[in-house]
């Protein structure tokens, strides 16, 4: 029961509170457990949320727009 809670419930609940996709939360918990054991499992989701916030703030994002030349229409 505890493994079910740790591997299924905890990533979903925490993912909703820190706005991370559940699959990313689950993967980060698995990776954190594999690397650092129980401490890694506890630190994995906050570390992932921090990384996501950092990348969202400092990595430039580009909007995708439709180009008429791609659609076969003259520009």
N, C-alpha and C. Protein backbone atom coordinates (compact mmCIF):
# COMPACT_ATOMS: atom_id res chain seq x y z
N UNK A 1 0.82 -1.18 0.00
CA UNK A 1 0.00 0.00 0.00
C UNK A 1 0.87 1.26 0.00
N UNK A 2 1.95 1.24 0.75
CA UNK A 2 2.83 2.41 0.80
C UNK A 2 3.51 2.64 -0.54
N UNK A 3 3.89 1.57 -1.22
CA UNK A 3 4.50 1.72 -2.54
C UNK A 3 3.50 2.32 -3.53
N UNK A 4 2.25 1.88 -3.46
CA UNK A 4 1.21 2.46 -4.32
C UNK A 4 1.07 3.95 -4.05
N UNK A 5 1.07 4.32 -2.78
CA UNK A 5 0.97 5.72 -2.44
C UNK A 5 2.18 6.51 -2.94
N UNK A 6 3.38 5.96 -2.75
CA UNK A 6 4.60 6.66 -3.13
C UNK A 6 4.77 6.78 -4.64
N UNK A 7 4.39 5.77 -5.37
CA UNK A 7 4.64 5.77 -6.81
C UNK A 7 3.45 6.24 -7.64
N UNK A 8 2.25 6.22 -7.11
CA UNK A 8 1.08 6.61 -7.90
C UNK A 8 0.40 7.87 -7.34
N UNK A 9 0.02 7.84 -6.09
CA UNK A 9 -0.73 8.96 -5.54
C UNK A 9 0.12 10.21 -5.32
N UNK A 10 1.25 10.05 -4.70
CA UNK A 10 2.09 11.20 -4.37
C UNK A 10 2.51 12.00 -5.60
N UNK A 11 2.97 11.38 -6.69
CA UNK A 11 3.30 12.19 -7.88
C UNK A 11 2.09 12.93 -8.46
N UNK A 12 0.92 12.31 -8.46
CA UNK A 12 -0.26 12.98 -9.03
C UNK A 12 -0.69 14.17 -8.17
N UNK A 13 -0.72 13.99 -6.87
CA UNK A 13 -1.14 15.09 -5.99
C UNK A 13 -0.14 16.23 -6.05
N UNK A 14 1.13 15.90 -5.96
CA UNK A 14 2.15 16.94 -5.99
C UNK A 14 2.21 17.61 -7.35
N UNK A 15 2.01 16.86 -8.41
CA UNK A 15 2.03 17.44 -9.75
C UNK A 15 0.93 18.49 -9.92
N UNK A 16 -0.22 18.25 -9.34
CA UNK A 16 -1.30 19.23 -9.43
C UNK A 16 -0.99 20.49 -8.63
N UNK A 17 -0.33 20.33 -7.49
CA UNK A 17 -0.06 21.50 -6.66
C UNK A 17 1.08 22.35 -7.22
N UNK A 18 2.05 21.74 -7.91
CA UNK A 18 3.18 22.51 -8.45
C UNK A 18 3.11 22.64 -9.97
N UNK A 19 1.99 22.23 -10.57
CA UNK A 19 1.73 22.39 -12.00
C UNK A 19 2.78 21.70 -12.87
N UNK A 20 3.00 20.42 -12.60
CA UNK A 20 3.88 19.58 -13.41
C UNK A 20 3.03 18.44 -13.96
N UNK A 21 3.30 18.03 -15.18
CA UNK A 21 2.59 16.91 -15.78
C UNK A 21 2.83 15.66 -14.92
N UNK A 22 1.79 14.84 -14.67
CA UNK A 22 1.97 13.65 -13.83
C UNK A 22 3.05 12.69 -14.31
N UNK A 23 3.21 12.56 -15.62
CA UNK A 23 4.26 11.67 -16.13
C UNK A 23 5.65 12.20 -15.79
N UNK A 24 5.83 13.50 -15.85
CA UNK A 24 7.11 14.11 -15.49
C UNK A 24 7.35 13.94 -14.00
N UNK A 25 6.31 14.13 -13.20
CA UNK A 25 6.44 13.95 -11.75
C UNK A 25 6.80 12.50 -11.42
N UNK A 26 6.12 11.56 -12.07
CA UNK A 26 6.40 10.15 -11.82
C UNK A 26 7.83 9.80 -12.23
N UNK A 27 8.24 10.28 -13.40
CA UNK A 27 9.60 10.01 -13.87
C UNK A 27 10.65 10.64 -12.97
N UNK A 28 10.37 11.83 -12.47
CA UNK A 28 11.35 12.47 -11.59
C UNK A 28 11.46 11.73 -10.26
N UNK A 29 10.35 11.21 -9.75
CA UNK A 29 10.40 10.43 -8.51
C UNK A 29 11.19 9.14 -8.74
N UNK A 30 10.97 8.49 -9.85
CA UNK A 30 11.71 7.26 -10.16
C UNK A 30 13.20 7.56 -10.29
N UNK A 31 13.54 8.62 -11.02
CA UNK A 31 14.94 8.98 -11.21
C UNK A 31 15.57 9.40 -9.88
N UNK A 32 14.86 10.19 -9.10
CA UNK A 32 15.38 10.60 -7.80
C UNK A 32 15.60 9.43 -6.87
N UNK A 33 14.70 8.46 -6.90
CA UNK A 33 14.86 7.26 -6.07
C UNK A 33 16.05 6.45 -6.53
N UNK A 34 16.22 6.32 -7.83
CA UNK A 34 17.34 5.54 -8.36
C UNK A 34 18.68 6.20 -8.04
N UNK A 35 18.72 7.53 -8.05
CA UNK A 35 19.98 8.23 -7.82
C UNK A 35 20.31 8.40 -6.35
N UNK A 36 19.32 8.81 -5.54
CA UNK A 36 19.61 9.17 -4.15
C UNK A 36 18.77 8.43 -3.12
N UNK A 37 18.01 7.44 -3.56
CA UNK A 37 17.21 6.67 -2.61
C UNK A 37 16.01 7.45 -2.11
N UNK A 38 15.69 7.28 -0.83
CA UNK A 38 14.50 7.91 -0.25
C UNK A 38 14.61 9.43 -0.26
N UNK A 39 15.79 9.96 -0.02
CA UNK A 39 15.99 11.41 -0.03
C UNK A 39 15.74 11.94 -1.44
N UNK A 40 16.21 11.23 -2.45
CA UNK A 40 15.99 11.64 -3.83
C UNK A 40 14.52 11.64 -4.20
N UNK A 41 13.76 10.69 -3.67
CA UNK A 41 12.33 10.64 -3.95
C UNK A 41 11.63 11.85 -3.34
N UNK A 42 12.08 12.28 -2.18
CA UNK A 42 11.47 13.45 -1.54
C UNK A 42 11.84 14.76 -2.23
N UNK A 43 13.04 14.84 -2.75
CA UNK A 43 13.55 16.07 -3.33
C UNK A 43 13.24 16.17 -4.83
N UNK A 44 12.85 15.09 -5.46
CA UNK A 44 12.71 15.04 -6.92
C UNK A 44 11.69 16.03 -7.45
N UNK A 45 10.50 16.07 -6.90
CA UNK A 45 9.46 16.93 -7.46
C UNK A 45 9.74 18.41 -7.21
N UNK A 46 10.17 18.81 -6.00
CA UNK A 46 10.54 20.23 -5.86
C UNK A 46 11.70 20.63 -6.76
N UNK A 47 12.66 19.74 -6.97
CA UNK A 47 13.78 20.05 -7.87
C UNK A 47 13.29 20.17 -9.30
N UNK A 48 12.39 19.32 -9.72
CA UNK A 48 11.83 19.39 -11.06
C UNK A 48 11.01 20.66 -11.24
N UNK A 49 10.23 21.04 -10.23
CA UNK A 49 9.45 22.28 -10.32
C UNK A 49 10.36 23.49 -10.39
N UNK A 50 11.46 23.46 -9.65
CA UNK A 50 12.43 24.56 -9.70
C UNK A 50 13.06 24.65 -11.08
N UNK A 51 13.45 23.52 -11.63
CA UNK A 51 14.04 23.49 -12.96
C UNK A 51 13.05 23.99 -14.01
N UNK A 52 11.80 23.56 -13.90
CA UNK A 52 10.77 23.99 -14.85
C UNK A 52 10.55 25.50 -14.75
N UNK A 53 10.52 26.03 -13.55
CA UNK A 53 10.33 27.48 -13.38
C UNK A 53 11.53 28.25 -13.92
N UNK A 54 12.73 27.75 -13.69
CA UNK A 54 13.93 28.41 -14.20
C UNK A 54 13.93 28.42 -15.72
N UNK A 55 13.65 27.28 -16.32
CA UNK A 55 13.63 27.20 -17.78
C UNK A 55 12.51 28.06 -18.37
N UNK A 56 11.37 28.10 -17.70
CA UNK A 56 10.27 28.93 -18.18
C UNK A 56 10.58 30.41 -18.13
N UNK A 57 11.42 30.81 -17.18
CA UNK A 57 11.74 32.22 -17.02
C UNK A 57 12.91 32.66 -17.90
N UNK A 58 13.87 31.79 -18.14
CA UNK A 58 15.10 32.21 -18.78
C UNK A 58 15.35 31.62 -20.17
N UNK A 59 14.56 30.68 -20.61
CA UNK A 59 14.73 30.12 -21.96
C UNK A 59 13.74 30.81 -22.88
N UNK A 60 14.25 31.30 -23.98
CA UNK A 60 13.40 32.03 -24.92
C UNK A 60 12.49 31.06 -25.66
N UNK A 61 11.22 31.42 -25.74
CA UNK A 61 10.24 30.60 -26.45
C UNK A 61 9.79 31.34 -27.69
N UNK A 62 9.52 30.59 -28.73
CA UNK A 62 9.09 31.17 -30.00
C UNK A 62 7.67 30.72 -30.30
N UNK A 63 6.87 31.64 -30.83
CA UNK A 63 5.52 31.30 -31.27
C UNK A 63 5.58 30.70 -32.67
N UNK A 64 4.75 29.71 -32.89
CA UNK A 64 4.67 29.09 -34.21
C UNK A 64 3.56 29.79 -34.98
N UNK A 65 3.89 30.26 -36.16
CA UNK A 65 2.91 30.94 -36.99
C UNK A 65 2.80 30.22 -38.32
N UNK A 66 1.67 30.42 -38.98
CA UNK A 66 1.48 29.82 -40.30
C UNK A 66 2.16 30.69 -41.35
N UNK A 67 2.90 30.04 -42.23
CA UNK A 67 3.56 30.75 -43.33
C UNK A 67 2.79 30.43 -44.61
N UNK A 68 2.35 31.44 -45.34
CA UNK A 68 1.57 31.16 -46.55
C UNK A 68 2.37 30.39 -47.59
N UNK A 69 3.69 30.50 -47.57
CA UNK A 69 4.51 29.77 -48.56
C UNK A 69 4.45 28.27 -48.31
N UNK A 70 4.26 27.87 -47.07
CA UNK A 70 4.18 26.44 -46.75
C UNK A 70 2.85 25.87 -47.26
N UNK A 71 1.81 26.67 -47.21
CA UNK A 71 0.49 26.22 -47.65
C UNK A 71 0.32 26.25 -49.16
N UNK A 72 1.31 26.74 -49.91
CA UNK A 72 1.22 26.79 -51.35
C UNK A 72 0.59 28.05 -51.90
N UNK A 73 0.29 28.99 -51.01
CA UNK A 73 -0.26 30.27 -51.45
C UNK A 73 0.88 31.26 -51.66
N UNK A 74 0.75 32.15 -52.62
CA UNK A 74 1.79 33.16 -52.83
C UNK A 74 1.81 34.15 -51.66
N UNK A 75 3.00 34.64 -51.38
CA UNK A 75 3.17 35.57 -50.24
C UNK A 75 2.76 36.97 -50.58
